[in-house]
Amino acid sequence: MYQKNPMDIKPTERLAKITYANSFDVDFCFLLRERRPPSLASMQDASLEVESNIYVVENLRGKYEMRKFK
């Protein structure tokens, strides 16, 4: 969508990256911006990686908690 914006209203890529990162919760935003992706497209790819990593950690944590209470 960013690339489809007309040049006269398109924000800079840096501003678009900041706005995109800030659309997530604080922890996710921090993890995403910590990766310092060079472009908006790479930031979007990184967000998918961060999301899948968080999902895996939450599942592992849940399995650990289940074993802890048995």
PDB file of N, CA and C in Angstrom:
ATOM      1  N   MET A   1       0.825  -1.196   0.000  1.00  0.00           N
ATOM      2  CA  MET A   1       0.000   0.000   0.000  1.00  0.00           C
ATOM      3  C   MET A   1       0.871   1.262   0.000  1.00  0.00           C
ATOM      4  N   TYR A   2       1.983   1.195   0.708  1.00  0.00           N
ATOM      5  CA  TYR A   2       2.869   2.361   0.788  1.00  0.00           C
ATOM      6  C   TYR A   2       3.331   2.789  -0.598  1.00  0.00           C
ATOM      7  N   GLN A   3       3.710   1.827  -1.421  1.00  0.00           N
ATOM      8  CA  GLN A   3       4.213   2.146  -2.756  1.00  0.00           C
ATOM      9  C   GLN A   3       3.137   2.726  -3.660  1.00  0.00           C
ATOM     10  N   LYS A   4       1.874   2.458  -3.369  1.00  0.00           N
ATOM     11  CA  LYS A   4       0.765   2.937  -4.208  1.00  0.00           C
ATOM     12  C   LYS A   4       0.373   4.378  -3.896  1.00  0.00           C
ATOM     13  N   ASN A   5       0.866   4.935  -2.791  1.00  0.00           N
ATOM     14  CA  ASN A   5       0.539   6.321  -2.443  1.00  0.00           C
ATOM     15  C   ASN A   5       1.180   7.281  -3.437  1.00  0.00           C
ATOM     16  N   PRO A   6       0.444   8.325  -3.829  1.00  0.00           N
ATOM     17  CA  PRO A   6       1.049   9.341  -4.709  1.00  0.00           C
ATOM     18  C   PRO A   6       2.206  10.040  -4.002  1.00  0.00           C
ATOM     19  N   MET A   7       3.215  10.417  -4.751  1.00  0.00           N
ATOM     20  CA  MET A   7       4.414  11.033  -4.179  1.00  0.00           C
ATOM     21  C   MET A   7       4.115  12.281  -3.358  1.00  0.00           C
ATOM     22  N   ASP A   8       3.102  13.057  -3.740  1.00  0.00           N
ATOM     23  CA  ASP A   8       2.839  14.301  -3.026  1.00  0.00           C
ATOM     24  C   ASP A   8       2.238  14.092  -1.639  1.00  0.00           C
ATOM     25  N   ILE A   9       1.736  12.886  -1.355  1.00  0.00           N
ATOM     26  CA  ILE A   9       1.200  12.626  -0.012  1.00  0.00           C
ATOM     27  C   ILE A   9       1.907  11.468   0.691  1.00  0.00           C
ATOM     28  N   LYS A  10       2.855  10.845   0.014  1.00  0.00           N
ATOM     29  CA  LYS A  10       3.562   9.703   0.597  1.00  0.00           C
ATOM     30  C   LYS A  10       4.528  10.184   1.684  1.00  0.00           C
ATOM     31  N   PRO A  11       4.428   9.607   2.894  1.00  0.00           N
ATOM     32  CA  PRO A  11       5.398   9.979   3.940  1.00  0.00           C
ATOM     33  C   PRO A  11       6.769   9.383   3.603  1.00  0.00           C
ATOM     34  N   THR A  12       7.790   9.899   4.229  1.00  0.00           N
ATOM     35  CA  THR A  12       9.114   9.326   4.018  1.00  0.00           C
ATOM     36  C   THR A  12       9.095   7.879   4.511  1.00  0.00           C
ATOM     37  N   GLU A  13      10.002   7.075   4.013  1.00  0.00           N
ATOM     38  CA  GLU A  13      10.037   5.676   4.440  1.00  0.00           C
ATOM     39  C   GLU A  13      10.361   5.575   5.921  1.00  0.00           C
ATOM     40  N   ARG A  14      11.196   6.467   6.408  1.00  0.00           N
ATOM     41  CA  ARG A  14      11.536   6.456   7.839  1.00  0.00           C
ATOM     42  C   ARG A  14      10.293   6.696   8.692  1.00  0.00           C
ATOM     43  N   LEU A  15       9.479   7.666   8.302  1.00  0.00           N
ATOM     44  CA  LEU A  15       8.242   7.945   9.032  1.00  0.00           C
ATOM     45  C   LEU A  15       7.275   6.776   8.909  1.00  0.00           C
ATOM     46  N   ALA A  16       7.205   6.173   7.741  1.00  0.00           N
ATOM     47  CA  ALA A  16       6.327   5.013   7.548  1.00  0.00           C
ATOM     48  C   ALA A  16       6.762   3.853   8.443  1.00  0.00           C
ATOM     49  N   LYS A  17       8.076   3.635   8.581  1.00  0.00           N
ATOM     50  CA  LYS A  17       8.582   2.573   9.448  1.00  0.00           C
ATOM     51  C   LYS A  17       8.223   2.846  10.906  1.00  0.00           C
ATOM     52  N   ILE A  18       8.379   4.085  11.341  1.00  0.00           N
ATOM     53  CA  ILE A  18       8.059   4.442  12.728  1.00  0.00           C
ATOM     54  C   ILE A  18       6.568   4.247  12.990  1.00  0.00           C
ATOM     55  N   THR A  19       5.739   4.712  12.068  1.00  0.00           N
ATOM     56  CA  THR A  19       4.287   4.570  12.215  1.00  0.00           C
ATOM     57  C   THR A  19       3.894   3.102  12.232  1.00  0.00           C
ATOM     58  N   TYR A  20       4.484   2.313  11.334  1.00  0.00           N
ATOM     59  CA  TYR A  20       4.189   0.875  11.279  1.00  0.00           C
ATOM     60  C   TYR A  20       4.576   0.201  12.590  1.00  0.00           C
ATOM     61  N   ALA A  21       5.773   0.445  13.076  1.00  0.00           N
ATOM     62  CA  ALA A  21       6.239  -0.184  14.318  1.00  0.00           C
ATOM     63  C   ALA A  21       5.367   0.225  15.500  1.00  0.00           C
ATOM     64  N   ASN A  22       4.965   1.477  15.532  1.00  0.00           N
ATOM     65  CA  ASN A  22       4.155   1.973  16.648  1.00  0.00           C
ATOM     66  C   ASN A  22       2.715   1.479  16.620  1.00  0.00           C
ATOM     67  N   SER A  23       2.323   0.822  15.541  1.00  0.00           N
ATOM     68  CA  SER A  23       0.959   0.295  15.479  1.00  0.00           C
ATOM     69  C   SER A  23       0.807  -0.986  16.305  1.00  0.00           C
ATOM     70  N   PHE A  24       1.935  -1.549  16.751  1.00  0.00           N
ATOM     71  CA  PHE A  24       1.903  -2.754  17.574  1.00  0.00           C
ATOM     72  C   PHE A  24       2.004  -2.372  19.046  1.00  0.00           C
ATOM     73  N   ASP A  25       1.788  -3.367  19.937  1.00  0.00           N
ATOM     74  CA  ASP A  25       1.942  -3.075  21.361  1.00  0.00           C
ATOM     75  C   ASP A  25       3.409  -2.772  21.666  1.00  0.00           C
ATOM     76  N   VAL A  26       3.663  -2.241  22.820  1.00  0.00           N
ATOM     77  CA  VAL A  26       4.979  -1.720  23.179  1.00  0.00           C
ATOM     78  C   VAL A  26       6.073  -2.791  23.094  1.00  0.00           C
ATOM     79  N   ASP A  27       5.820  -3.968  23.628  1.00  0.00           N
ATOM     80  CA  ASP A  27       6.840  -5.030  23.608  1.00  0.00           C
ATOM     81  C   ASP A  27       7.162  -5.466  22.184  1.00  0.00           C
ATOM     82  N   PHE A  28       6.123  -5.648  21.386  1.00  0.00           N
ATOM     83  CA  PHE A  28       6.316  -6.065  19.996  1.00  0.00           C
ATOM     84  C   PHE A  28       7.051  -4.978  19.224  1.00  0.00           C
ATOM     85  N   CYS A  29       6.664  -3.740  19.437  1.00  0.00           N
ATOM     86  CA  CYS A  29       7.307  -2.597  18.779  1.00  0.00           C
ATOM     87  C   CYS A  29       8.797  -2.559  19.112  1.00  0.00           C
ATOM     88  N   PHE A  30       9.126  -2.763  20.361  1.00  0.00           N
ATOM     89  CA  PHE A  30      10.528  -2.752  20.782  1.00  0.00           C
ATOM     90  C   PHE A  30      11.319  -3.850  20.083  1.00  0.00           C
ATOM     91  N   LEU A  31      10.774  -5.061  20.067  1.00  0.00           N
ATOM     92  CA  LEU A  31      11.460  -6.174  19.412  1.00  0.00           C
ATOM     93  C   LEU A  31      11.635  -5.926  17.916  1.00  0.00           C
ATOM     94  N   LEU A  32      10.643  -5.327  17.310  1.00  0.00           N
ATOM     95  CA  LEU A  32      10.694  -5.051  15.878  1.00  0.00           C
ATOM     96  C   LEU A  32      11.714  -3.963  15.550  1.00  0.00           C
ATOM     97  N   ARG A  33      11.679  -2.874  16.288  1.00  0.00           N
ATOM     98  CA  ARG A  33      12.601  -1.771  16.013  1.00  0.00           C
ATOM     99  C   ARG A  33      14.038  -2.119  16.391  1.00  0.00           C
ATOM    100  N   GLU A  34      14.203  -3.051  17.336  1.00  0.00           N
ATOM    101  CA  GLU A  34      15.534  -3.479  17.745  1.00  0.00           C
ATOM    102  C   GLU A  34      16.278  -4.163  16.597  1.00  0.00           C
ATOM    103  N   ARG A  35      15.558  -4.734  15.676  1.00  0.00           N
ATOM    104  CA  ARG A  35      16.169  -5.410  14.524  1.00  0.00           C
ATOM    105  C   ARG A  35      16.734  -4.426  13.502  1.00  0.00           C
ATOM    106  N   ARG A  36      16.336  -3.183  13.569  1.00  0.00           N
ATOM    107  CA  ARG A  36      16.805  -2.123  12.665  1.00  0.00           C
ATOM    108  C   ARG A  36      16.739  -2.505  11.192  1.00  0.00           C
ATOM    109  N   PRO A  37      15.556  -2.873  10.720  1.00  0.00           N
ATOM    110  CA  PRO A  37      15.432  -3.232   9.307  1.00  0.00           C
ATOM    111  C   PRO A  37      15.677  -2.007   8.415  1.00  0.00           C
ATOM    112  N   PRO A  38      16.349  -2.197   7.287  1.00  0.00           N
ATOM    113  CA  PRO A  38      16.713  -1.063   6.429  1.00  0.00           C
ATOM    114  C   PRO A  38      15.559  -0.469   5.624  1.00  0.00           C
ATOM    115  N   SER A  39      14.473  -1.203   5.466  1.00  0.00           N
ATOM    116  CA  SER A  39      13.357  -0.701   4.666  1.00  0.00           C
ATOM    117  C   SER A  39      12.032  -1.105   5.299  1.00  0.00           C
ATOM    118  N   LEU A  40      10.968  -0.487   4.830  1.00  0.00           N
ATOM    119  CA  LEU A  40       9.632  -0.815   5.325  1.00  0.00           C
ATOM    120  C   LEU A  40       9.287  -2.267   4.986  1.00  0.00           C
ATOM    121  N   ALA A  41       9.632  -2.688   3.786  1.00  0.00           N
ATOM    122  CA  ALA A  41       9.347  -4.075   3.381  1.00  0.00           C
ATOM    123  C   ALA A  41      10.078  -5.069   4.282  1.00  0.00           C
ATOM    124  N   SER A  42      11.332  -4.789   4.601  1.00  0.00           N
ATOM    125  CA  SER A  42      12.063  -5.708   5.486  1.00  0.00           C
ATOM    126  C   SER A  42      11.525  -5.633   6.909  1.00  0.00           C
ATOM    127  N   MET A  43      10.984  -4.484   7.315  1.00  0.00           N
ATOM    128  CA  MET A  43      10.368  -4.381   8.632  1.00  0.00           C
ATOM    129  C   MET A  43       9.101  -5.229   8.680  1.00  0.00           C
ATOM    130  N   GLN A  44       8.355  -5.242   7.600  1.00  0.00           N
ATOM    131  CA  GLN A  44       7.151  -6.068   7.554  1.00  0.00           C
ATOM    132  C   GLN A  44       7.519  -7.548   7.605  1.00  0.00           C
ATOM    133  N   ASP A  45       8.581  -7.937   6.917  1.00  0.00           N
ATOM    134  CA  ASP A  45       9.056  -9.321   6.997  1.00  0.00           C
ATOM    135  C   ASP A  45       9.515  -9.650   8.414  1.00  0.00           C
ATOM    136  N   ALA A  46      10.220  -8.727   9.030  1.00  0.00           N
ATOM    137  CA  ALA A  46      10.700  -8.935  10.400  1.00  0.00           C
ATOM    138  C   ALA A  46       9.531  -9.079  11.369  1.00  0.00           C
ATOM    139  N   SER A  47       8.448  -8.345  11.129  1.00  0.00           N
ATOM    140  CA  SER A  47       7.297  -8.438  12.028  1.00  0.00           C
ATOM    141  C   SER A  47       6.691  -9.844  11.991  1.00  0.00           C
ATOM    142  N   LEU A  48       6.713 -10.477  10.825  1.00  0.00           N
ATOM    143  CA  LEU A  48       6.220 -11.850  10.736  1.00  0.00           C
ATOM    144  C   LEU A  48       7.124 -12.799  11.518  1.00  0.00           C
ATOM    145  N   GLU A  49       8.427 -12.575  11.451  1.00  0.00           N
ATOM    146  CA  GLU A  49       9.372 -13.402  12.206  1.00  0.00           C
ATOM    147  C   GLU A  49       9.203 -13.200  13.708  1.00  0.00           C
ATOM    148  N   VAL A  50       9.076 -11.948  14.116  1.00  0.00           N
ATOM    149  CA  VAL A  50       8.903 -11.644  15.544  1.00  0.00           C
ATOM    150  C   VAL A  50       7.609 -12.268  16.045  1.00  0.00           C
ATOM    151  N   GLU A  51       6.552 -12.134  15.260  1.00  0.00           N
ATOM    152  CA  GLU A  51       5.265 -12.701  15.657  1.00  0.00           C
ATOM    153  C   GLU A  51       5.355 -14.211  15.819  1.00  0.00           C
ATOM    154  N   SER A  52       6.009 -14.886  14.880  1.00  0.00           N
ATOM    155  CA  SER A  52       6.116 -16.346  14.996  1.00  0.00           C
ATOM    156  C   SER A  52       6.998 -16.737  16.181  1.00  0.00           C
ATOM    157  N   ASN A  53       8.059 -15.971  16.454  1.00  0.00           N
ATOM    158  CA  ASN A  53       8.909 -16.254  17.619  1.00  0.00           C
ATOM    159  C   ASN A  53       8.138 -16.088  18.924  1.00  0.00           C
ATOM    160  N   ILE A  54       7.337 -15.047  19.012  1.00  0.00           N
ATOM    161  CA  ILE A  54       6.521 -14.827  20.214  1.00  0.00           C
ATOM    162  C   ILE A  54       5.528 -15.966  20.385  1.00  0.00           C
ATOM    163  N   TYR A  55       4.933 -16.402  19.289  1.00  0.00           N
ATOM    164  CA  TYR A  55       3.976 -17.505  19.343  1.00  0.00           C
ATOM    165  C   TYR A  55       4.638 -18.776  19.865  1.00  0.00           C
ATOM    166  N   VAL A  56       5.828 -19.088  19.364  1.00  0.00           N
ATOM    167  CA  VAL A  56       6.554 -20.283  19.797  1.00  0.00           C
ATOM    168  C   VAL A  56       6.893 -20.190  21.285  1.00  0.00           C
ATOM    169  N   VAL A  57       7.392 -19.036  21.720  1.00  0.00           N
ATOM    170  CA  VAL A  57       7.754 -18.862  23.131  1.00  0.00           C
ATOM    171  C   VAL A  57       6.528 -19.020  24.022  1.00  0.00           C
ATOM    172  N   GLU A  58       5.407 -18.447  23.617  1.00  0.00           N
ATOM    173  CA  GLU A  58       4.186 -18.570  24.422  1.00  0.00           C
ATOM    174  C   GLU A  58       3.723 -20.017  24.513  1.00  0.00           C
ATOM    175  N   ASN A  59       3.845 -20.756  23.405  1.00  0.00           N
ATOM    176  CA  ASN A  59       3.465 -22.167  23.434  1.00  0.00           C
ATOM    177  C   ASN A  59       4.402 -22.971  24.330  1.00  0.00           C
ATOM    178  N   LEU A  60       5.698 -22.707  24.237  1.00  0.00           N
ATOM    179  CA  LEU A  60       6.659 -23.411  25.096  1.00  0.00           C
ATOM    180  C   LEU A  60       6.420 -23.073  26.562  1.00  0.00           C
ATOM    181  N   ARG A  61       6.144 -21.820  26.822  1.00  0.00           N
ATOM    182  CA  ARG A  61       5.886 -21.396  28.199  1.00  0.00           C
ATOM    183  C   ARG A  61       4.640 -22.101  28.737  1.00  0.00           C
ATOM    184  N   GLY A  62       3.624 -22.201  27.906  1.00  0.00           N
ATOM    185  CA  GLY A  62       2.397 -22.890  28.311  1.00  0.00           C
ATOM    186  C   GLY A  62       2.643 -24.357  28.601  1.00  0.00           C
ATOM    187  N   LYS A  63       3.463 -25.026  27.783  1.00  0.00           N
ATOM    188  CA  LYS A  63       3.787 -26.435  28.008  1.00  0.00           C
ATOM    189  C   LYS A  63       4.585 -26.604  29.292  1.00  0.00           C
ATOM    190  N   TYR A  64       5.484 -25.656  29.564  1.00  0.00           N
ATOM    191  CA  TYR A  64       6.265 -25.711  30.799  1.00  0.00           C
ATOM    192  C   TYR A  64       5.348 -25.561  32.013  1.00  0.00           C
ATOM    193  N   GLU A  65       4.413 -24.642  31.927  1.00  0.00           N
ATOM    194  CA  GLU A  65       3.501 -24.419  33.041  1.00  0.00           C
ATOM    195  C   GLU A  65       2.636 -25.659  33.272  1.00  0.00           C
ATOM    196  N   MET A  66       2.233 -26.320  32.187  1.00  0.00           N
ATOM    197  CA  MET A  66       1.405 -27.532  32.324  1.00  0.00           C
ATOM    198  C   MET A  66       2.204 -28.623  33.049  1.00  0.00           C
ATOM    199  N   ARG A  67       3.479 -28.802  32.706  1.00  0.00           N
ATOM    200  CA  ARG A  67       4.317 -29.814  33.346  1.00  0.00           C
ATOM    201  C   ARG A  67       4.594 -29.459  34.799  1.00  0.00           C
ATOM    202  N   LYS A  68       4.728 -28.191  35.075  1.00  0.00           N
ATOM    203  CA  LYS A  68       5.059 -27.726  36.420  1.00  0.00           C
ATOM    204  C   LYS A  68       3.928 -28.060  37.404  1.00  0.00           C
ATOM    205  N   PHE A  69       2.687 -28.020  36.935  1.00  0.00           N
ATOM    206  CA  PHE A  69       1.556 -28.261  37.823  1.00  0.00           C
ATOM    207  C   PHE A  69       1.162 -29.724  37.912  1.00  0.00           C
ATOM    208  N   LYS A  70       1.767 -30.598  37.117  1.00  0.00           N
ATOM    209  CA  LYS A  70       1.398 -32.029  37.175  1.00  0.00           C
ATOM    210  C   LYS A  70       2.037 -32.720  38.341  1.00  0.00           C
TER     211      LYS A  70
END
